[in-house]
């Protein structure tokens, strides 16, 4: 019997050949591939849902929460109802691809303390078009606990279809031996709603005797929504509390790096941690230092606890006109352009403060989204994409002699049309004023030490 859980406190749902337990806490459930329960809002949830399940499925059971529980405790409700050997947790807004299940189960059959994650492909939130992700990467995090990626190791690249070890799971899609899940205490039920649960589980899997793999041959598509569809449930900074709770139990002295970046976390009340700390002691779990040195050993190179200085920051003003680059708080895969400079027009809105970061990417100063170029053709577009810290499409250098912003992968320079207020890439030309860009503040020492 296989059990699967959903995202954001909606439902838990299961595999075609196993019993599925659904914990319904919100009136919504995304369509699947013809075997998933389908229902709409309001009245469809109760009697019609029960009748639909009885009519169409012999292996599906609905487990109801008495109140809205959120992602973490809803998953625990489904897991507690399970009787099979393996739990498979999936988000509700996913689509399992062909033969996705056997590659998840095989590593667990070999070693029951192995946790296995599928490759997470992308389903377009507007068109529902399915797009495979890249060749994969190992999961990691920065010291604000944003999810990041580490490159595959040389031994992983030699066998691209084989499972490879990963320090941190991307989110909520994974398979785990049911008895091992409960030996680890399941999810910490002191975590509220959602946020931090993937780190809590990942850390204790590794620190308490398990291991975790990503499996290229298991593919599950995921809808990455443009906007969060749910309001704060009225419990304050629950994500911050969750992060602090995870840090206090599992991260040892490394928690100070989180507090350096989020000092207000120190004052957050996180509830009683006695049970979680006793669990760690009872299981004889290793230190977080062991985790960093043996599992996430290359993470500090990409995401150092103490970050080096950035290369430049502030507005990016065109040398061809009194216009500045303005991303206007746009989102992933969206273009942006030029606008009048906020410093010249204080009442104007916009997003014109940028950083050429130590990662060698360009990003708005207060957001984790980067300038991204994927083509070397003339007038190739520049779009925003989530910062991944792996350079490639997001690798930029500032040429102080010509004041060029050079995209190193394509060898092209940032250019613009000041009349249309558009930006794009073109072959570098030191005689073109449209390729001249002036960062407000430049760290000359860092640039020369590039």
Protein backbone atom coordinates (compact mmCIF):
# COMPACT_ATOMS: atom_id res chain seq x y z
CA UNK A 1 0.00 0.00 0.00
CA UNK A 2 1.31 3.45 -0.98
CA UNK A 3 0.29 6.71 0.68
CA UNK A 4 0.84 10.15 -0.81
CA UNK A 5 0.41 13.61 0.66
CA UNK A 6 -0.30 17.00 -0.83
CA UNK A 7 0.92 20.53 -0.47
CA UNK A 8 -0.52 23.39 1.55
CA UNK A 9 -2.84 21.38 3.73
CA UNK A 10 -5.23 20.24 1.02
CA UNK A 11 -5.23 16.46 0.72
CA UNK A 12 -3.09 13.38 0.80
CA UNK A 13 -3.48 10.98 -2.10
CA UNK A 14 -2.03 7.68 -3.15
CA UNK A 15 -0.76 5.50 -5.94
CA UNK A 16 -2.81 3.56 -8.42
CA UNK A 17 -1.91 0.15 -7.02
CA UNK A 18 -1.94 1.00 -3.35
CA UNK A 19 -4.47 2.25 -0.86
CA UNK A 20 -4.70 6.05 -0.86
CA UNK A 21 -5.59 8.04 2.22
CA UNK A 22 -6.83 11.59 1.68
CA UNK A 23 -6.87 14.10 4.50
CA UNK A 24 -9.09 16.89 3.20
CA UNK A 25 -8.65 20.27 4.87
CA UNK A 26 -9.43 22.65 2.00
CA UNK A 27 -12.13 22.56 -0.69
CA UNK A 28 -9.87 21.89 -3.64
CA UNK A 29 -8.08 19.04 -5.36
CA UNK A 30 -6.19 19.23 -8.63
CA UNK A 31 -6.93 16.84 -11.48
CA UNK A 32 -4.54 14.00 -12.15
CA UNK A 33 -4.33 11.46 -14.94
CA UNK A 34 -7.79 9.96 -14.71
CA UNK A 35 -7.49 7.96 -11.52
CA UNK A 36 -7.19 10.79 -9.01
CA UNK A 37 -10.30 11.96 -7.18
CA UNK A 38 -11.84 15.00 -8.87
CA UNK A 39 -14.11 17.40 -7.04
CA UNK A 40 -14.94 21.07 -6.94
CA UNK A 41 -15.64 23.64 -4.24
CA UNK A 42 -18.21 23.74 -1.48
CA UNK A 43 -20.94 21.13 -1.64
CA UNK A 44 -18.86 18.71 -3.71
CA UNK A 45 -16.65 17.98 -0.72
CA UNK A 46 -18.88 15.99 1.59
CA UNK A 47 -21.54 13.51 0.50
CA UNK A 48 -20.79 13.81 -3.26
CA UNK A 49 -17.12 13.16 -2.58
CA UNK A 50 -17.87 10.13 -0.41
CA UNK A 51 -20.18 8.74 -3.09
CA UNK A 52 -17.65 9.37 -5.86
CA UNK A 53 -14.91 7.55 -3.97
CA UNK A 54 -17.14 4.56 -3.21
CA UNK A 55 -18.30 4.38 -6.82
CA UNK A 56 -14.91 4.66 -8.54
CA UNK A 57 -12.28 3.36 -6.14
CA UNK A 58 -11.81 0.34 -3.94
CA UNK A 59 -8.44 1.52 -2.64
CA UNK A 60 -9.12 5.15 -1.69
CA UNK A 61 -10.10 6.38 1.74
CA UNK A 62 -10.88 9.92 2.85
CA UNK A 63 -9.57 10.96 6.27
CA UNK A 64 -11.07 14.24 7.45
CA UNK A 65 -9.47 16.79 9.73
CA UNK A 66 -11.67 18.51 12.30
CA UNK A 67 -10.17 21.89 11.42
CA UNK A 68 -7.72 23.42 8.99
CA UNK A 69 -4.37 21.83 9.83
CA UNK A 70 -2.06 23.02 7.07
CA UNK A 71 0.46 21.00 5.10
CA UNK A 72 2.52 19.42 7.86
CA UNK A 73 -0.15 18.10 10.19
CA UNK A 74 -2.38 17.09 7.27
CA UNK A 75 0.43 14.88 6.02
CA UNK A 76 0.80 13.38 9.48
CA UNK A 77 -2.92 12.54 9.50
CA UNK A 78 -2.56 10.62 6.25
CA UNK A 79 0.63 8.89 7.36
CA UNK A 80 -0.96 7.77 10.64
CA UNK A 81 -3.80 6.15 8.73
CA UNK A 82 -1.42 4.19 6.50
CA UNK A 83 -0.82 0.45 6.90
CA UNK A 84 1.49 -0.30 4.00
CA UNK A 85 5.26 -0.60 3.91
CA UNK A 86 6.05 2.62 2.04
CA UNK A 87 4.69 6.16 2.24
CA UNK A 88 4.86 8.32 -0.89
CA UNK A 89 4.23 12.01 -0.32
CA UNK A 90 3.23 14.19 -3.28
CA UNK A 91 1.78 17.67 -3.61
CA UNK A 92 -1.75 18.00 -4.92
CA UNK A 93 -0.69 20.22 -7.85
CA UNK A 94 1.44 17.50 -9.46
CA UNK A 95 1.20 15.02 -12.31
CA UNK A 96 3.01 11.71 -11.99
CA UNK A 97 4.72 10.69 -15.22
CA UNK A 98 4.96 7.24 -16.80
CA UNK A 99 6.42 4.50 -14.57
CA UNK A 100 7.25 7.00 -11.85
CA UNK A 101 6.75 4.63 -8.93
CA UNK A 102 9.15 1.63 -9.34
CA UNK A 103 12.33 3.79 -9.34
CA UNK A 104 11.22 5.26 -6.01
CA UNK A 105 10.64 1.88 -4.43
CA UNK A 106 13.76 -0.02 -5.53
CA UNK A 107 16.31 1.86 -3.35
CA UNK A 108 14.03 1.45 -0.33
CA UNK A 109 13.73 -2.28 -1.01
CA UNK A 110 17.54 -2.46 -0.95
CA UNK A 111 17.90 -0.36 2.23
CA UNK A 112 14.84 0.62 4.22
CA UNK A 113 16.64 3.67 5.66
CA UNK A 114 16.93 5.21 2.20
CA UNK A 115 14.58 8.07 1.34
CA UNK A 116 13.99 8.67 -2.36
CA UNK A 117 12.89 11.81 -4.23
CA UNK A 118 11.68 11.97 -7.85
CA UNK A 119 12.90 14.53 -10.37
CA UNK A 120 10.47 17.42 -10.27
CA UNK A 121 9.55 18.64 -13.74
CA UNK A 122 7.69 21.86 -14.51
CA UNK A 123 4.03 22.24 -15.45
CA UNK A 124 3.26 25.71 -16.79
CA UNK A 125 0.74 27.39 -14.51
CA UNK A 126 -1.08 29.04 -17.44
CA UNK A 127 -1.01 26.42 -20.20
CA UNK A 128 -0.39 23.23 -18.14
CA UNK A 129 2.33 22.33 -20.65
CA UNK A 130 4.75 19.77 -19.23
CA UNK A 131 8.49 20.51 -19.41
CA UNK A 132 11.31 18.28 -18.15
CA UNK A 133 13.83 19.85 -15.80
CA UNK A 134 17.56 19.88 -16.47
CA UNK A 135 19.92 16.97 -15.77
CA UNK A 136 19.37 17.45 -12.06
CA UNK A 137 21.29 18.84 -9.11
CA UNK A 138 21.79 18.07 -5.44
CA UNK A 139 19.55 19.88 -2.98
CA UNK A 140 21.04 22.48 -0.67
CA UNK A 141 20.16 25.73 1.11
CA UNK A 142 21.57 29.13 1.86
CA UNK A 143 21.83 30.55 5.38
CA UNK A 144 18.39 32.11 5.25
CA UNK A 145 17.11 28.59 4.51
CA UNK A 146 16.13 29.32 0.93
CA UNK A 147 16.32 26.14 -1.15
CA UNK A 148 19.36 26.03 -3.45
CA UNK A 149 21.10 23.52 -5.69
CA UNK A 150 24.58 22.03 -5.83
CA UNK A 151 26.13 20.58 -9.00
CA UNK A 152 26.26 16.85 -9.48
CA UNK A 153 29.49 15.19 -8.43
CA UNK A 154 31.84 13.68 -11.05
CA UNK A 155 30.83 10.15 -10.07
CA UNK A 156 27.15 11.07 -10.54
CA UNK A 157 27.81 12.40 -14.05
CA UNK A 158 29.33 9.08 -15.11
CA UNK A 159 25.98 7.31 -14.58
CA UNK A 160 23.25 9.88 -15.39
CA UNK A 161 20.32 7.49 -14.94
CA UNK A 162 21.39 6.21 -11.51
CA UNK A 163 20.13 7.59 -8.17
CA UNK A 164 22.48 10.13 -6.60
CA UNK A 165 22.82 11.34 -3.03
CA UNK A 166 21.31 14.70 -2.17
CA UNK A 167 21.72 16.65 1.11
CA UNK A 168 18.25 18.24 1.14
CA UNK A 169 14.96 17.41 -0.54
CA UNK A 170 13.41 20.09 -2.75
CA UNK A 171 10.07 20.08 -0.99
CA UNK A 172 7.41 17.52 -0.33
CA UNK A 173 7.82 14.84 -2.98
CA UNK A 174 9.48 11.69 -1.66
CA UNK A 175 9.09 8.03 -0.72
CA UNK A 176 10.07 6.63 2.66
CA UNK A 177 9.78 3.34 4.51
CA UNK A 178 6.80 3.76 6.84
CA UNK A 179 8.52 2.29 9.90
CA UNK A 180 11.62 4.45 9.31
CA UNK A 181 9.41 7.56 9.00
CA UNK A 182 7.99 6.92 12.46
CA UNK A 183 11.36 5.96 13.93
CA UNK A 184 12.39 9.48 12.96
CA UNK A 185 9.31 10.86 14.67
CA UNK A 186 7.57 11.68 11.39
CA UNK A 187 7.30 15.39 10.82
CA UNK A 188 7.71 17.56 13.91
CA UNK A 189 4.06 18.34 14.66
CA UNK A 190 5.16 21.56 16.36
CA UNK A 191 5.79 23.02 12.91
CA UNK A 192 2.88 25.20 11.81
CA UNK A 193 1.12 25.20 8.42
CA UNK A 194 4.12 24.85 6.05
CA UNK A 195 7.75 25.88 5.80
CA UNK A 196 10.93 24.25 7.10
CA UNK A 197 9.52 20.74 7.18
CA UNK A 198 11.70 19.60 4.27
CA UNK A 199 14.83 20.75 6.13
CA UNK A 200 13.75 19.18 9.42
CA UNK A 201 13.16 15.82 7.74
CA UNK A 202 16.27 16.00 5.54
CA UNK A 203 18.58 16.83 8.45
CA UNK A 204 17.33 14.06 10.65
CA UNK A 205 17.36 11.50 7.82
CA UNK A 206 21.09 12.09 7.36
CA UNK A 207 22.04 12.81 10.97
CA UNK A 208 20.10 9.85 12.36
CA UNK A 209 21.37 6.99 10.22
CA UNK A 210 19.55 7.33 6.91
CA UNK A 211 20.45 8.53 3.44
CA UNK A 212 18.59 10.35 0.70
CA UNK A 213 18.68 10.01 -3.09
CA UNK A 214 17.23 11.81 -6.09
CA UNK A 215 16.15 9.44 -8.86
CA UNK A 216 16.33 10.65 -12.49
CA UNK A 217 14.07 7.83 -13.76
CA UNK A 218 11.12 8.91 -11.61
CA UNK A 219 9.52 12.07 -13.00
CA UNK A 220 6.71 14.06 -11.43
CA UNK A 221 5.49 17.34 -12.89
CA UNK A 222 4.75 20.24 -10.53
CA UNK A 223 2.78 23.43 -11.12
CA UNK A 224 4.85 26.37 -9.91
CA UNK A 225 2.17 28.95 -9.32
CA UNK A 226 2.75 32.62 -10.03
CA UNK A 227 0.86 33.80 -6.98
CA UNK A 228 0.32 32.20 -3.59
CA UNK A 229 -3.38 31.24 -3.56
CA UNK A 230 -3.86 31.37 0.18
CA UNK A 231 -3.71 34.09 2.82
CA UNK A 232 -1.71 33.97 6.02
CA UNK A 233 -3.88 31.81 8.31
CA UNK A 234 -3.54 34.34 11.10
CA UNK A 235 -0.69 32.83 13.09
CA UNK A 236 1.98 35.47 12.43
CA UNK A 237 5.42 34.59 11.07
CA UNK A 238 4.87 30.84 11.11
CA UNK A 239 7.62 30.20 8.56
CA UNK A 240 10.16 32.07 10.70
CA UNK A 241 9.05 30.14 13.79
CA UNK A 242 9.38 26.88 11.90
CA UNK A 243 12.89 27.75 10.73
CA UNK A 244 13.94 28.64 14.26
CA UNK A 245 12.43 25.43 15.60
CA UNK A 246 14.40 23.37 13.07
CA UNK A 247 17.59 25.33 13.75
CA UNK A 248 17.36 24.98 17.54
CA UNK A 249 16.91 21.21 17.37
CA UNK A 250 19.15 20.16 14.48
CA UNK A 251 21.65 22.83 13.43
CA UNK A 252 23.74 23.18 16.61
CA UNK A 253 26.21 26.09 16.42
CA UNK A 254 25.42 26.60 12.72
CA UNK A 255 22.09 28.16 13.73
CA UNK A 256 24.04 31.37 14.41
CA UNK A 257 24.52 31.85 10.68
CA UNK A 258 20.74 31.87 10.27
CA UNK A 259 20.35 34.38 13.10
CA UNK A 260 23.03 36.61 11.56
CA UNK A 261 20.79 37.05 8.54
CA UNK A 262 17.45 36.92 10.32
CA UNK A 263 18.14 38.46 13.75
CA UNK A 264 14.44 38.81 14.57
CA UNK A 265 14.18 35.00 14.66
CA UNK A 266 15.91 35.02 18.05
CA UNK A 267 12.85 36.61 19.66
CA UNK A 268 10.28 34.27 18.11
CA UNK A 269 8.48 31.89 20.47
CA UNK A 270 8.69 28.37 19.06
CA UNK A 271 7.02 26.26 21.72
CA UNK A 272 8.36 23.30 23.65
CA UNK A 273 11.35 21.55 22.03
CA UNK A 274 11.89 18.92 24.74
CA UNK A 275 10.35 16.04 22.80
CA UNK A 276 12.34 16.81 19.66
CA UNK A 277 15.64 17.08 21.52
CA UNK A 278 14.96 13.83 23.37
CA UNK A 279 14.22 12.15 20.01
CA UNK A 280 17.59 13.28 18.69
CA UNK A 281 19.35 11.99 21.80
CA UNK A 282 17.48 8.70 21.79
CA UNK A 283 18.37 8.03 18.15
CA UNK A 284 22.03 8.90 18.74
CA UNK A 285 21.99 11.37 15.87
CA UNK A 286 25.18 12.95 14.56
CA UNK A 287 26.04 16.63 14.81
CA UNK A 288 25.21 19.23 12.20
CA UNK A 289 28.95 19.72 11.77
CA UNK A 290 29.12 16.08 10.65
CA UNK A 291 26.31 16.78 8.18
CA UNK A 292 28.11 19.81 6.73
CA UNK A 293 31.45 18.02 6.46
CA UNK A 294 30.23 14.67 5.12
CA UNK A 295 26.96 15.28 3.29
CA UNK A 296 26.83 18.94 2.25
CA UNK A 297 30.62 19.19 2.14
CA UNK A 298 30.77 21.47 -0.93
CA UNK A 299 27.90 23.74 0.08
CA UNK A 300 30.09 26.40 1.79
CA UNK A 301 31.87 26.98 -1.52
CA UNK A 302 28.58 27.96 -3.16
CA UNK A 303 26.75 29.38 -0.15
CA UNK A 304 29.35 30.35 2.47
CA UNK A 305 28.15 31.05 6.00
CA UNK A 306 30.15 34.29 5.90
CA UNK A 307 29.58 35.79 2.48
CA UNK A 308 32.31 37.63 0.55
CA UNK A 309 31.60 41.23 -0.56
CA UNK A 310 29.46 41.95 -3.59
CA UNK A 311 30.96 43.50 -6.74
CA UNK A 312 28.55 46.39 -7.26
CA UNK A 313 25.20 47.69 -6.10
CA UNK A 314 22.60 50.40 -6.52
CA UNK A 315 20.89 51.75 -9.62
CA UNK A 316 22.11 50.73 -13.09
CA UNK A 317 21.94 53.85 -15.26
CA UNK A 318 22.20 53.83 -19.04
CA UNK A 319 25.07 55.76 -20.63
CA UNK A 320 22.83 56.63 -23.58
CA UNK A 321 20.04 58.40 -21.68
CA UNK A 322 18.92 59.30 -18.17
CA UNK A 323 17.13 55.99 -17.80
CA UNK A 324 17.64 53.15 -15.31
CA UNK A 325 16.98 49.44 -15.43
CA UNK A 326 13.70 48.75 -13.62
CA UNK A 327 12.43 45.22 -12.93
CA UNK A 328 9.17 46.59 -11.46
CA UNK A 329 8.85 43.61 -9.11
CA UNK A 330 8.12 41.28 -12.00
CA UNK A 331 8.29 37.52 -11.62
CA UNK A 332 10.00 34.50 -13.06
CA UNK A 333 10.37 34.30 -16.85
CA UNK A 334 9.19 37.89 -17.31
CA UNK A 335 11.00 40.58 -19.28
CA UNK A 336 11.77 44.04 -17.94
CA UNK A 337 13.31 47.22 -19.29
CA UNK A 338 14.17 50.87 -18.68
CA UNK A 339 12.34 53.66 -16.94
CA UNK A 340 13.14 57.13 -15.66
CA UNK A 341 15.48 56.92 -12.69
CA UNK A 342 13.85 56.98 -9.27
CA UNK A 343 16.70 59.10 -7.90
CA UNK A 344 15.70 61.79 -10.41
CA UNK A 345 11.97 61.32 -9.70
CA UNK A 346 11.56 60.55 -5.98
CA UNK A 347 7.78 60.09 -6.22
CA UNK A 348 8.10 57.41 -8.88
CA UNK A 349 7.65 53.75 -7.99
CA UNK A 350 9.67 50.85 -9.29
CA UNK A 351 12.50 48.44 -8.48
CA UNK A 352 15.85 49.95 -9.40
CA UNK A 353 18.24 48.84 -6.64
CA UNK A 354 20.37 45.92 -7.81
CA UNK A 355 23.37 43.87 -6.71
CA UNK A 356 26.10 42.30 -8.80
CA UNK A 357 26.47 39.69 -6.11
CA UNK A 358 29.44 37.62 -5.03
CA UNK A 359 27.70 34.78 -6.89
CA UNK A 360 28.47 36.84 -10.04
CA UNK A 361 24.80 37.27 -10.83
CA UNK A 362 22.66 40.41 -11.01
CA UNK A 363 19.56 40.55 -8.85
CA UNK A 364 17.19 43.08 -7.26
CA UNK A 365 18.66 44.02 -3.90
CA UNK A 366 15.81 42.54 -1.86
CA UNK A 367 14.74 39.56 -3.95
CA UNK A 368 16.13 36.15 -4.89
CA UNK A 369 15.51 36.49 -8.62
CA UNK A 370 18.24 37.04 -11.23
CA UNK A 371 18.92 38.40 -14.71
CA UNK A 372 18.95 35.34 -16.98
CA UNK A 373 20.00 34.97 -20.63
CA UNK A 374 19.59 31.69 -22.51
CA UNK A 375 20.51 32.65 -26.09
CA UNK A 376 23.55 34.13 -27.86
CA UNK A 377 21.57 35.48 -30.81
CA UNK A 378 21.34 39.21 -31.52
CA UNK A 379 18.84 41.06 -29.34
CA UNK A 380 18.41 37.97 -27.15
CA UNK A 381 15.97 38.71 -24.33
CA UNK A 382 16.92 39.14 -20.69
CA UNK A 383 14.38 37.67 -18.28
CA UNK A 384 14.08 37.17 -14.56
CA UNK A 385 14.62 33.68 -13.16
CA UNK A 386 15.03 32.31 -9.66
CA UNK A 387 18.67 32.71 -8.61
CA UNK A 388 20.37 29.31 -8.58
CA UNK A 389 23.96 30.33 -7.79
CA UNK A 390 25.33 27.98 -10.45
CA UNK A 391 26.34 30.76 -12.88
CA UNK A 392 25.64 29.56 -16.45
CA UNK A 393 22.75 31.65 -17.77
CA UNK A 394 23.11 33.95 -14.77
CA UNK A 395 26.88 34.65 -14.93
CA UNK A 396 27.72 38.35 -15.38
CA UNK A 397 30.84 40.50 -15.18
CA UNK A 398 31.19 44.29 -15.01
CA UNK A 399 33.89 45.64 -17.35
CA UNK A 400 35.05 48.84 -15.65
CA UNK A 401 37.01 50.06 -18.68
CA UNK A 402 34.08 50.07 -21.11
CA UNK A 403 31.32 50.04 -18.48
CA UNK A 404 29.88 46.92 -20.10
CA UNK A 405 27.73 44.30 -18.41
CA UNK A 406 29.04 41.14 -20.02
CA UNK A 407 27.14 37.86 -20.02
CA UNK A 408 30.07 35.46 -19.86
CA UNK A 409 28.33 32.30 -21.11
CA UNK A 410 27.30 33.91 -24.41
CA UNK A 411 30.07 36.52 -24.58
CA UNK A 412 27.49 39.22 -25.35
CA UNK A 413 26.84 42.59 -23.72
CA UNK A 414 23.74 44.17 -22.28
CA UNK A 415 22.30 46.62 -24.82
CA UNK A 416 19.16 48.78 -24.99
CA UNK A 417 16.75 50.77 -27.12
CA UNK A 418 16.25 54.00 -25.16
CA UNK A 419 13.23 55.02 -27.26
CA UNK A 420 11.37 51.75 -26.69
CA UNK A 421 12.85 51.46 -23.16
CA UNK A 422 13.83 47.87 -23.91
CA UNK A 423 16.94 45.91 -22.94
CA UNK A 424 18.46 42.91 -24.71
CA UNK A 425 21.82 41.28 -25.52
CA UNK A 426 24.09 42.06 -28.47
CA UNK A 427 27.70 41.47 -29.53
CA UNK A 428 29.94 43.70 -27.45
CA UNK A 429 30.90 47.00 -29.09
CA UNK A 430 33.01 49.54 -27.16
CA UNK A 431 31.71 52.33 -29.45
CA UNK A 432 28.03 51.86 -28.63
CA UNK A 433 26.71 54.16 -25.91
CA UNK A 434 23.67 51.91 -25.55
CA UNK A 435 25.98 49.28 -24.06
CA UNK A 436 27.35 51.65 -21.41
CA UNK A 437 26.01 51.03 -17.90
CA UNK A 438 26.96 52.81 -14.70
CA UNK A 439 26.49 51.02 -11.41
CA UNK A 440 25.86 53.44 -8.57
CA UNK A 441 28.52 51.87 -6.33
CA UNK A 442 31.36 49.62 -7.50
CA UNK A 443 33.63 47.57 -5.25
CA UNK A 444 36.83 48.25 -7.20
CA UNK A 445 38.93 45.86 -5.11
CA UNK A 446 36.49 42.98 -5.63
CA UNK A 447 36.28 43.68 -9.38
CA UNK A 448 40.08 43.64 -9.76
CA UNK A 449 40.26 40.40 -7.72
CA UNK A 450 37.65 38.71 -9.95
